Amino acid sequence: MADYFFFGLAFLPTNDIEDCFVDLMADEPLNDKCSRFVDYILENYVTVNSKFPSTIWAAPPDPDTKRTTNGPESFHSHLNAQFYACHPSIFIFLDVLLKIQTTSYIKNKNITYTGCDKKK
C-alpha cells in the first residue's frame, strides 16, 4: 500500500473512506507486517463500529480553516492576504497593522474574561 494514498484517506468524505480503503487493500503487498497493519487500521479506524470511526478524523479540507499549525507562517499568510499590491503605501500598511492589533487585543481580552464567572 502506498503511503501517500493511505494518508490521503483523512481528506476524503466520511462515506467514501471504507470503499477507498478496500481499494487500497487490493494493492497491499503480500507481507505479514503489512497485513497486520491493514487489519489494525481497519478494525480501529475504518469500519463503522471501530474505536475511532471516520466521522471523528476524516473530512474534506475546508478552505476557510487554518492550513498550518505554524503560528508565524499563519500570521504571515494572513498579513499578505490583506494587501492587493506588492508594495502598498505606508498608510494602507499601518491601517492593516492597526486592524490586526485591534483584533488580537479583542481576542486576548475575550480569552481572559471567558469562564471567569464569579459565584455570588
PDB file of N, CA and C in Angstrom:
ATOM      1  N   MET A   1       0.862  -1.168   0.000  1.00  0.00           N
ATOM      2  CA  MET A   1       0.000   0.000   0.000  1.00  0.00           C
ATOM      3  C   MET A   1       0.905   1.225   0.000  1.00  0.00           C
ATOM      4  N   ALA A   2       0.679   2.117  -0.915  1.00  0.00           N
ATOM      5  CA  ALA A   2       1.492   3.324  -1.000  1.00  0.00           C
ATOM      6  C   ALA A   2       1.102   4.279   0.120  1.00  0.00           C
ATOM      7  N   ASP A   3       2.119   4.791   0.815  1.00  0.00           N
ATOM      8  CA  ASP A   3       1.870   5.678   1.951  1.00  0.00           C
ATOM      9  C   ASP A   3       1.061   6.904   1.563  1.00  0.00           C
ATOM     10  N   TYR A   4       1.366   7.473   0.407  1.00  0.00           N
ATOM     11  CA  TYR A   4       0.684   8.712   0.043  1.00  0.00           C
ATOM     12  C   TYR A   4      -0.798   8.491  -0.201  1.00  0.00           C
ATOM     13  N   PHE A   5      -1.209   7.304  -0.610  1.00  0.00           N
ATOM     14  CA  PHE A   5      -2.636   7.020  -0.743  1.00  0.00           C
ATOM     15  C   PHE A   5      -3.264   6.825   0.630  1.00  0.00           C
ATOM     16  N   PHE A   6      -2.556   6.130   1.497  1.00  0.00           N
ATOM     17  CA  PHE A   6      -3.080   5.847   2.834  1.00  0.00           C
ATOM     18  C   PHE A   6      -3.322   7.132   3.622  1.00  0.00           C
ATOM     19  N   PHE A   7      -2.357   8.038   3.613  1.00  0.00           N
ATOM     20  CA  PHE A   7      -2.500   9.268   4.384  1.00  0.00           C
ATOM     21  C   PHE A   7      -3.517  10.220   3.757  1.00  0.00           C
ATOM     22  N   GLY A   8      -3.882  10.005   2.531  1.00  0.00           N
ATOM     23  CA  GLY A   8      -4.894  10.827   1.887  1.00  0.00           C
ATOM     24  C   GLY A   8      -6.312  10.480   2.310  1.00  0.00           C
ATOM     25  N   LEU A   9      -6.502   9.359   3.006  1.00  0.00           N
ATOM     26  CA  LEU A   9      -7.840   8.974   3.444  1.00  0.00           C
ATOM     27  C   LEU A   9      -8.477  10.029   4.344  1.00  0.00           C
ATOM     28  N   ALA A  10      -7.669  10.726   5.118  1.00  0.00           N
ATOM     29  CA  ALA A  10      -8.200  11.727   6.054  1.00  0.00           C
ATOM     30  C   ALA A  10      -8.867  12.899   5.338  1.00  0.00           C
ATOM     31  N   PHE A  11      -8.579  13.076   4.058  1.00  0.00           N
ATOM     32  CA  PHE A  11      -9.133  14.206   3.317  1.00  0.00           C
ATOM     33  C   PHE A  11     -10.343  13.833   2.466  1.00  0.00           C
ATOM     34  N   LEU A  12     -10.820  12.622   2.615  1.00  0.00           N
ATOM     35  CA  LEU A  12     -11.995  12.173   1.862  1.00  0.00           C
ATOM     36  C   LEU A  12     -13.266  12.373   2.682  1.00  0.00           C
ATOM     37  N   PRO A  13     -14.404  12.459   2.015  1.00  0.00           N
ATOM     38  CA  PRO A  13     -15.664  12.473   2.766  1.00  0.00           C
ATOM     39  C   PRO A  13     -15.817  11.159   3.535  1.00  0.00           C
ATOM     40  N   THR A  14     -16.443  11.230   4.687  1.00  0.00           N
ATOM     41  CA  THR A  14     -16.516  10.055   5.567  1.00  0.00           C
ATOM     42  C   THR A  14     -17.235   8.868   4.930  1.00  0.00           C
ATOM     43  N   ASN A  15     -18.179   9.107   4.042  1.00  0.00           N
ATOM     44  CA  ASN A  15     -18.895   7.979   3.429  1.00  0.00           C
ATOM     45  C   ASN A  15     -18.073   7.274   2.350  1.00  0.00           C
ATOM     46  N   ASP A  16     -16.933   7.824   1.952  1.00  0.00           N
ATOM     47  CA  ASP A  16     -16.082   7.191   0.946  1.00  0.00           C
ATOM     48  C   ASP A  16     -14.888   6.446   1.541  1.00  0.00           C
ATOM     49  N   ILE A  17     -14.660   6.575   2.827  1.00  0.00           N
ATOM     50  CA  ILE A  17     -13.452   6.031   3.456  1.00  0.00           C
ATOM     51  C   ILE A  17     -13.371   4.512   3.305  1.00  0.00           C
ATOM     52  N   GLU A  18     -14.435   3.817   3.659  1.00  0.00           N
ATOM     53  CA  GLU A  18     -14.384   2.351   3.649  1.00  0.00           C
ATOM     54  C   GLU A  18     -14.159   1.800   2.242  1.00  0.00           C
ATOM     55  N   ASP A  19     -14.830   2.355   1.251  1.00  0.00           N
ATOM     56  CA  ASP A  19     -14.659   1.889  -0.128  1.00  0.00           C
ATOM     57  C   ASP A  19     -13.233   2.137  -0.621  1.00  0.00           C
ATOM     58  N   CYS A  20     -12.701   3.306  -0.332  1.00  0.00           N
ATOM     59  CA  CYS A  20     -11.335   3.620  -0.768  1.00  0.00           C
ATOM     60  C   CYS A  20     -10.312   2.758  -0.043  1.00  0.00           C
ATOM     61  N   PHE A  21     -10.585   2.462   1.225  1.00  0.00           N
ATOM     62  CA  PHE A  21      -9.659   1.603   1.966  1.00  0.00           C
ATOM     63  C   PHE A  21      -9.650   0.194   1.371  1.00  0.00           C
ATOM     64  N   VAL A  22     -10.798  -0.295   0.965  1.00  0.00           N
ATOM     65  CA  VAL A  22     -10.867  -1.616   0.323  1.00  0.00           C
ATOM     66  C   VAL A  22     -10.062  -1.599  -0.973  1.00  0.00           C
ATOM     67  N   ASP A  23     -10.161  -0.518  -1.735  1.00  0.00           N
ATOM     68  CA  ASP A  23      -9.370  -0.400  -2.962  1.00  0.00           C
ATOM     69  C   ASP A  23      -7.871  -0.384  -2.655  1.00  0.00           C
ATOM     70  N   LEU A  24      -7.488   0.285  -1.576  1.00  0.00           N
ATOM     71  CA  LEU A  24      -6.074   0.298  -1.189  1.00  0.00           C
ATOM     72  C   LEU A  24      -5.598  -1.079  -0.753  1.00  0.00           C
ATOM     73  N   MET A  25      -6.449  -1.830  -0.080  1.00  0.00           N
ATOM     74  CA  MET A  25      -6.064  -3.170   0.363  1.00  0.00           C
ATOM     75  C   MET A  25      -5.812  -4.097  -0.819  1.00  0.00           C
ATOM     76  N   ALA A  26      -6.444  -3.824  -1.945  1.00  0.00           N
ATOM     77  CA  ALA A  26      -6.225  -4.650  -3.137  1.00  0.00           C
ATOM     78  C   ALA A  26      -4.787  -4.513  -3.640  1.00  0.00           C
ATOM     79  N   ASP A  27      -4.161  -3.363  -3.382  1.00  0.00           N
ATOM     80  CA  ASP A  27      -2.774  -3.136  -3.794  1.00  0.00           C
ATOM     81  C   ASP A  27      -1.764  -3.466  -2.708  1.00  0.00           C
ATOM     82  N   GLU A  28      -2.221  -4.030  -1.620  1.00  0.00           N
ATOM     83  CA  GLU A  28      -1.346  -4.347  -0.490  1.00  0.00           C
ATOM     84  C   GLU A  28      -0.330  -5.429  -0.864  1.00  0.00           C
ATOM     85  N   PRO A  29       0.937  -5.225  -0.489  1.00  0.00           N
ATOM     86  CA  PRO A  29       1.926  -6.280  -0.744  1.00  0.00           C
ATOM     87  C   PRO A  29       1.645  -7.503   0.140  1.00  0.00           C
ATOM     88  N   LEU A  30       2.016  -8.655  -0.348  1.00  0.00           N
ATOM     89  CA  LEU A  30       1.815  -9.887   0.408  1.00  0.00           C
ATOM     90  C   LEU A  30       2.924 -10.000   1.444  1.00  0.00           C
ATOM     91  N   ASN A  31       2.681  -9.380   2.592  1.00  0.00           N
ATOM     92  CA  ASN A  31       3.664  -9.309   3.656  1.00  0.00           C
ATOM     93  C   ASN A  31       2.897  -9.394   4.970  1.00  0.00           C
ATOM     94  N   ASP A  32       3.425 -10.157   5.921  1.00  0.00           N
ATOM     95  CA  ASP A  32       2.746 -10.332   7.200  1.00  0.00           C
ATOM     96  C   ASP A  32       2.611  -9.012   7.958  1.00  0.00           C
ATOM     97  N   LYS A  33       3.658  -8.186   7.946  1.00  0.00           N
ATOM     98  CA  LYS A  33       3.605  -6.905   8.655  1.00  0.00           C
ATOM     99  C   LYS A  33       2.570  -5.973   8.029  1.00  0.00           C
ATOM    100  N   CYS A  34       2.512  -5.939   6.722  1.00  0.00           N
ATOM    101  CA  CYS A  34       1.515  -5.104   6.043  1.00  0.00           C
ATOM    102  C   CYS A  34       0.106  -5.587   6.343  1.00  0.00           C
ATOM    103  N   SER A  35      -0.084  -6.891   6.371  1.00  0.00           N
ATOM    104  CA  SER A  35      -1.407  -7.448   6.663  1.00  0.00           C
ATOM    105  C   SER A  35      -1.856  -7.099   8.075  1.00  0.00           C
ATOM    106  N   ARG A  36      -0.943  -7.177   9.037  1.00  0.00           N
ATOM    107  CA  ARG A  36      -1.291  -6.816  10.415  1.00  0.00           C
ATOM    108  C   ARG A  36      -1.618  -5.329  10.524  1.00  0.00           C
ATOM    109  N   PHE A  37      -0.851  -4.504   9.825  1.00  0.00           N
ATOM    110  CA  PHE A  37      -1.091  -3.067   9.842  1.00  0.00           C
ATOM    111  C   PHE A  37      -2.456  -2.739   9.249  1.00  0.00           C
ATOM    112  N   VAL A  38      -2.760  -3.325   8.107  1.00  0.00           N
ATOM    113  CA  VAL A  38      -4.044  -3.080   7.439  1.00  0.00           C
ATOM    114  C   VAL A  38      -5.197  -3.551   8.323  1.00  0.00           C
ATOM    115  N   ASP A  39      -5.054  -4.707   8.952  1.00  0.00           N
ATOM    116  CA  ASP A  39      -6.104  -5.211   9.841  1.00  0.00           C
ATOM    117  C   ASP A  39      -6.311  -4.278  11.035  1.00  0.00           C
ATOM    118  N   TYR A  40      -5.213  -3.773  11.587  1.00  0.00           N
ATOM    119  CA  TYR A  40      -5.297  -2.858  12.721  1.00  0.00           C
ATOM    120  C   TYR A  40      -6.035  -1.574  12.326  1.00  0.00           C
ATOM    121  N   ILE A  41      -5.656  -1.000  11.196  1.00  0.00           N
ATOM    122  CA  ILE A  41      -6.299   0.227  10.732  1.00  0.00           C
ATOM    123  C   ILE A  41      -7.774  -0.020  10.451  1.00  0.00           C
ATOM    124  N   LEU A  42      -8.075  -1.138   9.826  1.00  0.00           N
ATOM    125  CA  LEU A  42      -9.467  -1.473   9.506  1.00  0.00           C
ATOM    126  C   LEU A  42     -10.306  -1.612  10.773  1.00  0.00           C
ATOM    127  N   GLU A  43      -9.795  -2.327  11.756  1.00  0.00           N
ATOM    128  CA  GLU A  43     -10.550  -2.568  12.989  1.00  0.00           C
ATOM    129  C   GLU A  43     -10.699  -1.314  13.846  1.00  0.00           C
ATOM    130  N   ASN A  44      -9.697  -0.447  13.872  1.00  0.00           N
ATOM    131  CA  ASN A  44      -9.709   0.692  14.787  1.00  0.00           C
ATOM    132  C   ASN A  44     -10.142   2.008  14.172  1.00  0.00           C
ATOM    133  N   TYR A  45     -10.075   2.133  12.839  1.00  0.00           N
ATOM    134  CA  TYR A  45     -10.323   3.436  12.233  1.00  0.00           C
ATOM    135  C   TYR A  45     -11.309   3.454  11.066  1.00  0.00           C
ATOM    136  N   VAL A  46     -11.475   2.375  10.365  1.00  0.00           N
ATOM    137  CA  VAL A  46     -12.218   2.434   9.108  1.00  0.00           C
ATOM    138  C   VAL A  46     -13.658   1.968   9.246  1.00  0.00           C
ATOM    139  N   THR A  47     -13.899   0.871   9.908  1.00  0.00           N
ATOM    140  CA  THR A  47     -15.256   0.344   9.985  1.00  0.00           C
ATOM    141  C   THR A  47     -16.158   1.239  10.830  1.00  0.00           C
ATOM    142  N   VAL A  48     -17.445   1.096  10.634  1.00  0.00           N
ATOM    143  CA  VAL A  48     -18.417   1.935  11.331  1.00  0.00           C
ATOM    144  C   VAL A  48     -18.376   1.700  12.842  1.00  0.00           C
ATOM    145  N   ASN A  49     -18.148   0.459  13.258  1.00  0.00           N
ATOM    146  CA  ASN A  49     -18.138   0.113  14.680  1.00  0.00           C
ATOM    147  C   ASN A  49     -16.745   0.169  15.294  1.00  0.00           C
ATOM    148  N   SER A  50     -15.813   0.843  14.662  1.00  0.00           N
ATOM    149  CA  SER A  50     -14.446   0.905  15.178  1.00  0.00           C
ATOM    150  C   SER A  50     -14.351   1.862  16.358  1.00  0.00           C
ATOM    151  N   LYS A  51     -13.214   1.823  17.059  1.00  0.00           N
ATOM    152  CA  LYS A  51     -12.993   2.702  18.211  1.00  0.00           C
ATOM    153  C   LYS A  51     -12.996   4.167  17.801  1.00  0.00           C
ATOM    154  N   PHE A  52     -12.401   4.463  16.657  1.00  0.00           N
ATOM    155  CA  PHE A  52     -12.300   5.824  16.163  1.00  0.00           C
ATOM    156  C   PHE A  52     -12.861   5.876  14.736  1.00  0.00           C
ATOM    157  N   PRO A  53     -14.175   5.966  14.593  1.00  0.00           N
ATOM    158  CA  PRO A  53     -14.763   5.954  13.247  1.00  0.00           C
ATOM    159  C   PRO A  53     -14.341   7.172  12.434  1.00  0.00           C
ATOM    160  N   SER A  54     -14.506   7.058  11.149  1.00  0.00           N
ATOM    161  CA  SER A  54     -14.044   8.116  10.245  1.00  0.00           C
ATOM    162  C   SER A  54     -14.769   9.437  10.452  1.00  0.00           C
ATOM    163  N   THR A  55     -15.915   9.426  11.109  1.00  0.00           N
ATOM    164  CA  THR A  55     -16.610  10.688  11.392  1.00  0.00           C
ATOM    165  C   THR A  55     -15.814  11.559  12.350  1.00  0.00           C
ATOM    166  N   ILE A  56     -14.894  10.969  13.092  1.00  0.00           N
ATOM    167  CA  ILE A  56     -14.057  11.728  14.024  1.00  0.00           C
ATOM    168  C   ILE A  56     -12.862  12.350  13.318  1.00  0.00           C
ATOM    169  N   TRP A  57     -12.221  11.599  12.443  1.00  0.00           N
ATOM    170  CA  TRP A  57     -10.922  12.042  11.926  1.00  0.00           C
ATOM    171  C   TRP A  57     -10.886  12.399  10.448  1.00  0.00           C
ATOM    172  N   ALA A  58     -11.930  12.155   9.702  1.00  0.00           N
ATOM    173  CA  ALA A  58     -11.879  12.404   8.258  1.00  0.00           C
ATOM    174  C   ALA A  58     -12.871  13.482   7.845  1.00  0.00           C
ATOM    175  N   ALA A  59     -12.415  14.353   6.974  1.00  0.00           N
ATOM    176  CA  ALA A  59     -13.275  15.383   6.400  1.00  0.00           C
ATOM    177  C   ALA A  59     -12.531  16.047   5.253  1.00  0.00           C
ATOM    178  N   PRO A  60     -13.246  16.440   4.218  1.00  0.00           N
ATOM    179  CA  PRO A  60     -12.574  17.170   3.140  1.00  0.00           C
ATOM    180  C   PRO A  60     -12.020  18.488   3.679  1.00  0.00           C
ATOM    181  N   PRO A  61     -10.919  18.970   3.143  1.00  0.00           N
ATOM    182  CA  PRO A  61     -10.338  20.221   3.641  1.00  0.00           C
ATOM    183  C   PRO A  61     -11.308  21.393   3.481  1.00  0.00           C
ATOM    184  N   ASP A  62     -11.394  22.198   4.509  1.00  0.00           N
ATOM    185  CA  ASP A  62     -12.233  23.395   4.480  1.00  0.00           C
ATOM    186  C   ASP A  62     -11.340  24.583   4.137  1.00  0.00           C
ATOM    187  N   PRO A  63     -11.637  25.288   3.055  1.00  0.00           N
ATOM    188  CA  PRO A  63     -10.755  26.390   2.656  1.00  0.00           C
ATOM    189  C   PRO A  63     -10.754  27.558   3.637  1.00  0.00           C
ATOM    190  N   ASP A  64     -11.741  27.615   4.525  1.00  0.00           N
ATOM    191  CA  ASP A  64     -11.813  28.723   5.472  1.00  0.00           C
ATOM    192  C   ASP A  64     -11.068  28.461   6.770  1.00  0.00           C
ATOM    193  N   THR A  65     -10.561  27.255   6.962  1.00  0.00           N
ATOM    194  CA  THR A  65      -9.860  26.951   8.209  1.00  0.00           C
ATOM    195  C   THR A  65      -8.360  27.116   8.034  1.00  0.00           C
ATOM    196  N   LYS A  66      -7.663  27.082   9.163  1.00  0.00           N
ATOM    197  CA  LYS A  66      -6.208  27.203   9.128  1.00  0.00           C
ATOM    198  C   LYS A  66      -5.613  26.008   8.393  1.00  0.00           C
ATOM    199  N   ARG A  67      -4.562  26.268   7.649  1.00  0.00           N
ATOM    200  CA  ARG A  67      -3.923  25.187   6.904  1.00  0.00           C
ATOM    201  C   ARG A  67      -2.546  24.867   7.458  1.00  0.00           C
ATOM    202  N   THR A  68      -2.176  25.504   8.567  1.00  0.00           N
ATOM    203  CA  THR A  68      -0.880  25.241   9.161  1.00  0.00           C
ATOM    204  C   THR A  68      -0.982  25.361  10.670  1.00  0.00           C
ATOM    205  N   THR A  69      -0.102  24.691  11.370  1.00  0.00           N
ATOM    206  CA  THR A  69      -0.034  24.825  12.826  1.00  0.00           C
ATOM    207  C   THR A  69       1.137  25.706  13.224  1.00  0.00           C
ATOM    208  N   ASN A  70       1.831  26.231  12.250  1.00  0.00           N
ATOM    209  CA  ASN A  70       2.965  27.110  12.497  1.00  0.00           C
ATOM    210  C   ASN A  70       2.432  28.532  12.651  1.00  0.00           C
ATOM    211  N   GLY A  71       2.495  29.075  13.868  1.00  0.00           N
ATOM    212  CA  GLY A  71       1.937  30.392  14.151  1.00  0.00           C
ATOM    213  C   GLY A  71       2.484  31.515  13.291  1.00  0.00           C
ATOM    214  N   PRO A  72       3.822  31.669  13.207  1.00  0.00           N
ATOM    215  CA  PRO A  72       4.358  32.748  12.365  1.00  0.00           C
ATOM    216  C   PRO A  72       3.987  32.604  10.894  1.00  0.00           C
ATOM    217  N   GLU A  73       3.970  31.373  10.398  1.00  0.00           N
ATOM    218  CA  GLU A  73       3.593  31.155   8.999  1.00  0.00           C
ATOM    219  C   GLU A  73       2.133  31.545   8.776  1.00  0.00           C
ATOM    220  N   SER A  74       1.277  31.201   9.722  1.00  0.00           N
ATOM    221  CA  SER A  74      -0.135  31.550   9.620  1.00  0.00           C
ATOM    222  C   SER A  74      -0.325  33.064   9.647  1.00  0.00           C
ATOM    223  N   PHE A  75       0.376  33.743  10.564  1.00  0.00           N
ATOM    224  CA  PHE A  75       0.270  35.200  10.647  1.00  0.00           C
ATOM    225  C   PHE A  75       0.756  35.853   9.350  1.00  0.00           C
ATOM    226  N   HIS A  76       1.868  35.396   8.833  1.00  0.00           N
ATOM    227  CA  HIS A  76       2.430  35.978   7.613  1.00  0.00           C
ATOM    228  C   HIS A  76       1.481  35.776   6.429  1.00  0.00           C
ATOM    229  N   SER A  77       0.878  34.599   6.343  1.00  0.00           N
ATOM    230  CA  SER A  77      -0.079  34.328   5.270  1.00  0.00           C
ATOM    231  C   SER A  77      -1.291  35.250   5.387  1.00  0.00           C
ATOM    232  N   HIS A  78      -1.787  35.413   6.618  1.00  0.00           N
ATOM    233  CA  HIS A  78      -2.931  36.301   6.844  1.00  0.00           C
ATOM    234  C   HIS A  78      -2.566  37.749   6.520  1.00  0.00           C
ATOM    235  N   LEU A  79      -1.372  38.164   6.918  1.00  0.00           N
ATOM    236  CA  LEU A  79      -0.920  39.532   6.644  1.00  0.00           C
ATOM    237  C   LEU A  79      -0.812  39.781   5.136  1.00  0.00           C
ATOM    238  N   ASN A  80      -0.237  38.855   4.414  1.00  0.00           N
ATOM    239  CA  ASN A  80      -0.098  39.005   2.960  1.00  0.00           C
ATOM    240  C   ASN A  80      -1.451  39.064   2.257  1.00  0.00           C
ATOM    241  N   ALA A  81      -2.429  38.356   2.800  1.00  0.00           N
ATOM    242  CA  ALA A  81      -3.755  38.335   2.169  1.00  0.00           C
ATOM    243  C   ALA A  81      -4.477  39.677   2.301  1.00  0.00           C
ATOM    244  N   GLN A  82      -4.005  40.545   3.178  1.00  0.00           N
ATOM    245  CA  GLN A  82      -4.652  41.841   3.398  1.00  0.00           C
ATOM    246  C   GLN A  82      -4.304  42.877   2.333  1.00  0.00           C
ATOM    247  N   PHE A  83      -3.273  42.605   1.536  1.00  0.00           N
ATOM    248  CA  PHE A  83      -2.789  43.599   0.575  1.00  0.00           C
ATOM    249  C   PHE A  83      -3.105  43.164  -0.852  1.00  0.00           C
ATOM    250  N   TYR A  84      -3.406  44.156  -1.677  1.00  0.00           N
ATOM    251  CA  TYR A  84      -3.733  43.893  -3.072  1.00  0.00           C
ATOM    252  C   TYR A  84      -2.619  44.341  -4.014  1.00  0.00           C
ATOM    253  N   ALA A  85      -1.533  44.881  -3.455  1.00  0.00           N
ATOM    254  CA  ALA A  85      -0.405  45.330  -4.259  1.00  0.00           C
ATOM    255  C   ALA A  85       0.878  44.822  -3.600  1.00  0.00           C
ATOM    256  N   CYS A  86       1.920  44.663  -4.392  1.00  0.00           N
ATOM    257  CA  CYS A  86       3.198  44.172  -3.854  1.00  0.00           C
ATOM    258  C   CYS A  86       3.825  45.170  -2.882  1.00  0.00           C
ATOM    259  N   HIS A  87       3.661  46.446  -3.159  1.00  0.00           N
ATOM    260  CA  HIS A  87       4.248  47.495  -2.327  1.00  0.00           C
ATOM    261  C   HIS A  87       3.176  48.519  -1.965  1.00  0.00           C
ATOM    262  N   PRO A  88       2.352  48.215  -0.951  1.00  0.00           N
ATOM    263  CA  PRO A  88       1.291  49.157  -0.582  1.00  0.00           C
ATOM    264  C   PRO A  88       1.881  50.412   0.064  1.00  0.00           C
ATOM    265  N   SER A  89       1.086  51.453   0.087  1.00  0.00           N
ATOM    266  CA  SER A  89       1.556  52.680   0.721  1.00  0.00           C
ATOM    267  C   SER A  89       1.667  52.468   2.227  1.00  0.00           C
ATOM    268  N   ILE A  90       2.437  53.305   2.875  1.00  0.00           N
ATOM    269  CA  ILE A  90       2.651  53.178   4.319  1.00  0.00           C
ATOM    270  C   ILE A  90       1.340  53.335   5.077  1.00  0.00           C
ATOM    271  N   PHE A  91       0.418  54.141   4.543  1.00  0.00           N
ATOM    272  CA  PHE A  91      -0.864  54.365   5.222  1.00  0.00           C
ATOM    273  C   PHE A  91      -1.732  53.107   5.200  1.00  0.00           C
ATOM    274  N   ILE A  92      -1.749  52.428   4.080  1.00  0.00           N
ATOM    275  CA  ILE A  92      -2.501  51.168   3.990  1.00  0.00           C
ATOM    276  C   ILE A  92      -1.872  50.121   4.892  1.00  0.00           C
ATOM    277  N   PHE A  93      -0.549  50.049   4.875  1.00  0.00           N
ATOM    278  CA  PHE A  93       0.168  49.087   5.718  1.00  0.00           C
ATOM    279  C   PHE A  93      -0.136  49.331   7.197  1.00  0.00           C
ATOM    280  N   LEU A  94      -0.073  50.572   7.639  1.00  0.00           N
ATOM    281  CA  LEU A  94      -0.346  50.890   9.039  1.00  0.00           C
ATOM    282  C   LEU A  94      -1.808  50.623   9.403  1.00  0.00           C
ATOM    283  N   ASP A  95      -2.714  50.888   8.475  1.00  0.00           N
ATOM    284  CA  ASP A  95      -4.123  50.601   8.720  1.00  0.00           C
ATOM    285  C   ASP A  95      -4.340  49.107   8.949  1.00  0.00           C
ATOM    286  N   VAL A  96      -3.703  48.274   8.140  1.00  0.00           N
ATOM    287  CA  VAL A  96      -3.817  46.819   8.300  1.00  0.00           C
ATOM    288  C   VAL A  96      -3.222  46.390   9.631  1.00  0.00           C
ATOM    289  N   LEU A  97      -2.064  46.930   9.992  1.00  0.00           N
ATOM    290  CA  LEU A  97      -1.450  46.573  11.272  1.00  0.00           C
ATOM    291  C   LEU A  97      -2.333  46.968  12.453  1.00  0.00           C
ATOM    292  N   LEU A  98      -2.954  48.141  12.381  1.00  0.00           N
ATOM    293  CA  LEU A  98      -3.850  48.573  13.453  1.00  0.00           C
ATOM    294  C   LEU A  98      -5.076  47.666  13.562  1.00  0.00           C
ATOM    295  N   LYS A  99      -5.608  47.217  12.432  1.00  0.00           N
ATOM    296  CA  LYS A  99      -6.749  46.287  12.457  1.00  0.00           C
ATOM    297  C   LYS A  99      -6.349  44.947  13.080  1.00  0.00           C
ATOM    298  N   ILE A 100      -5.166  44.461  12.724  1.00  0.00           N
ATOM    299  CA  ILE A 100      -4.680  43.196  13.291  1.00  0.00           C
ATOM    300  C   ILE A 100      -4.451  43.356  14.794  1.00  0.00           C
ATOM    301  N   GLN A 101      -3.894  44.496  15.201  1.00  0.00           N
ATOM    302  CA  GLN A 101      -3.658  44.745  16.623  1.00  0.00           C
ATOM    303  C   GLN A 101      -4.986  44.794  17.382  1.00  0.00           C
ATOM    304  N   THR A 102      -5.976  45.470  16.828  1.00  0.00           N
ATOM    305  CA  THR A 102      -7.279  45.568  17.476  1.00  0.00           C
ATOM    306  C   THR A 102      -7.935  44.195  17.594  1.00  0.00           C
ATOM    307  N   THR A 103      -7.879  43.411  16.526  1.00  0.00           N
ATOM    308  CA  THR A 103      -8.450  42.062  16.551  1.00  0.00           C
ATOM    309  C   THR A 103      -7.753  41.194  17.591  1.00  0.00           C
ATOM    310  N   SER A 104      -6.433  41.265  17.647  1.00  0.00           N
ATOM    311  CA  SER A 104      -5.670  40.492  18.636  1.00  0.00           C
ATOM    312  C   SER A 104      -6.017  40.923  20.052  1.00  0.00           C
ATOM    313  N   TYR A 105      -6.154  42.224  20.269  1.00  0.00           N
ATOM    314  CA  TYR A 105      -6.497  42.742  21.590  1.00  0.00           C
ATOM    315  C   TYR A 105      -7.869  42.219  22.029  1.00  0.00           C
ATOM    316  N   ILE A 106      -8.838  42.264  21.120  1.00  0.00           N
ATOM    317  CA  ILE A 106     -10.184  41.794  21.446  1.00  0.00           C
ATOM    318  C   ILE A 106     -10.179  40.298  21.740  1.00  0.00           C
ATOM    319  N   LYS A 107      -9.450  39.514  20.935  1.00  0.00           N
ATOM    320  CA  LYS A 107      -9.379  38.066  21.168  1.00  0.00           C
ATOM    321  C   LYS A 107      -8.729  37.763  22.511  1.00  0.00           C
ATOM    322  N   ASN A 108      -7.650  38.473  22.840  1.00  0.00           N
ATOM    323  CA  ASN A 108      -6.976  38.238  24.118  1.00  0.00           C
ATOM    324  C   ASN A 108      -7.862  38.600  25.297  1.00  0.00           C
ATOM    325  N   LYS A 109      -8.579  39.708  25.199  1.00  0.00           N
ATOM    326  CA  LYS A 109      -9.483  40.103  26.282  1.00  0.00           C
ATOM    327  C   LYS A 109     -10.628  39.106  26.412  1.00  0.00           C
ATOM    328  N   ASN A 110     -11.110  38.599  25.300  1.00  0.00           N
ATOM    329  CA  ASN A 110     -12.180  37.612  25.324  1.00  0.00           C
ATOM    330  C   ASN A 110     -11.713  36.331  26.010  1.00  0.00           C
ATOM    331  N   ILE A 111     -10.492  35.908  25.723  1.00  0.00           N
ATOM    332  CA  ILE A 111      -9.935  34.708  26.361  1.00  0.00           C
ATOM    333  C   ILE A 111      -9.762  34.943  27.852  1.00  0.00           C
ATOM    334  N   THR A 112      -9.323  36.130  28.224  1.00  0.00           N
ATOM    335  CA  THR A 112      -9.080  36.448  29.625  1.00  0.00           C
ATOM    336  C   THR A 112     -10.374  36.425  30.433  1.00  0.00           C
ATOM    337  N   TYR A 113     -11.452  36.945  29.868  1.00  0.00           N
ATOM    338  CA  TYR A 113     -12.700  37.061  30.626  1.00  0.00           C
ATOM    339  C   TYR A 113     -13.665  35.903  30.427  1.00  0.00           C
ATOM    340  N   THR A 114     -13.410  35.021  29.516  1.00  0.00           N
ATOM    341  CA  THR A 114     -14.301  33.881  29.294  1.00  0.00           C
ATOM    342  C   THR A 114     -14.131  32.862  30.419  1.00  0.00           C
ATOM    343  N   GLY A 115     -15.205  32.446  30.981  1.00  0.00           N
ATOM    344  CA  GLY A 115     -15.154  31.420  32.006  1.00  0.00           C
ATOM    345  C   GLY A 115     -14.776  31.941  33.378  1.00  0.00           C
ATOM    346  N   CYS A 116     -14.812  33.231  33.592  1.00  0.00           N
ATOM    347  CA  CYS A 116     -14.431  33.803  34.889  1.00  0.00           C
ATOM    348  C   CYS A 116     -15.661  34.281  35.652  1.00  0.00           C
ATOM    349  N   ASP A 117     -16.753  33.573  35.523  1.00  0.00           N
ATOM    350  CA  ASP A 117     -17.960  33.947  36.248  1.00  0.00           C
ATOM    351  C   ASP A 117     -17.749  33.705  37.738  1.00  0.00           C
ATOM    352  N   LYS A 118     -17.933  34.760  38.531  1.00  0.00           N
ATOM    353  CA  LYS A 118     -17.744  34.643  39.970  1.00  0.00           C
ATOM    354  C   LYS A 118     -19.039  34.181  40.587  1.00  0.00           C
ATOM    355  N   LYS A 119     -18.942  33.270  41.522  1.00  0.00           N
ATOM    356  CA  LYS A 119     -20.132  32.781  42.242  1.00  0.00           C
ATOM    357  C   LYS A 119     -20.505  33.800  43.311  1.00  0.00           C
ATOM    358  N   LYS A 120     -21.777  34.069  43.391  1.00  0.00           N
ATOM    359  CA  LYS A 120     -22.245  35.052  44.377  1.00  0.00           C
ATOM    360  C   LYS A 120     -22.859  34.377  45.562  1.00  0.00           C
TER     361      LYS A 120
END
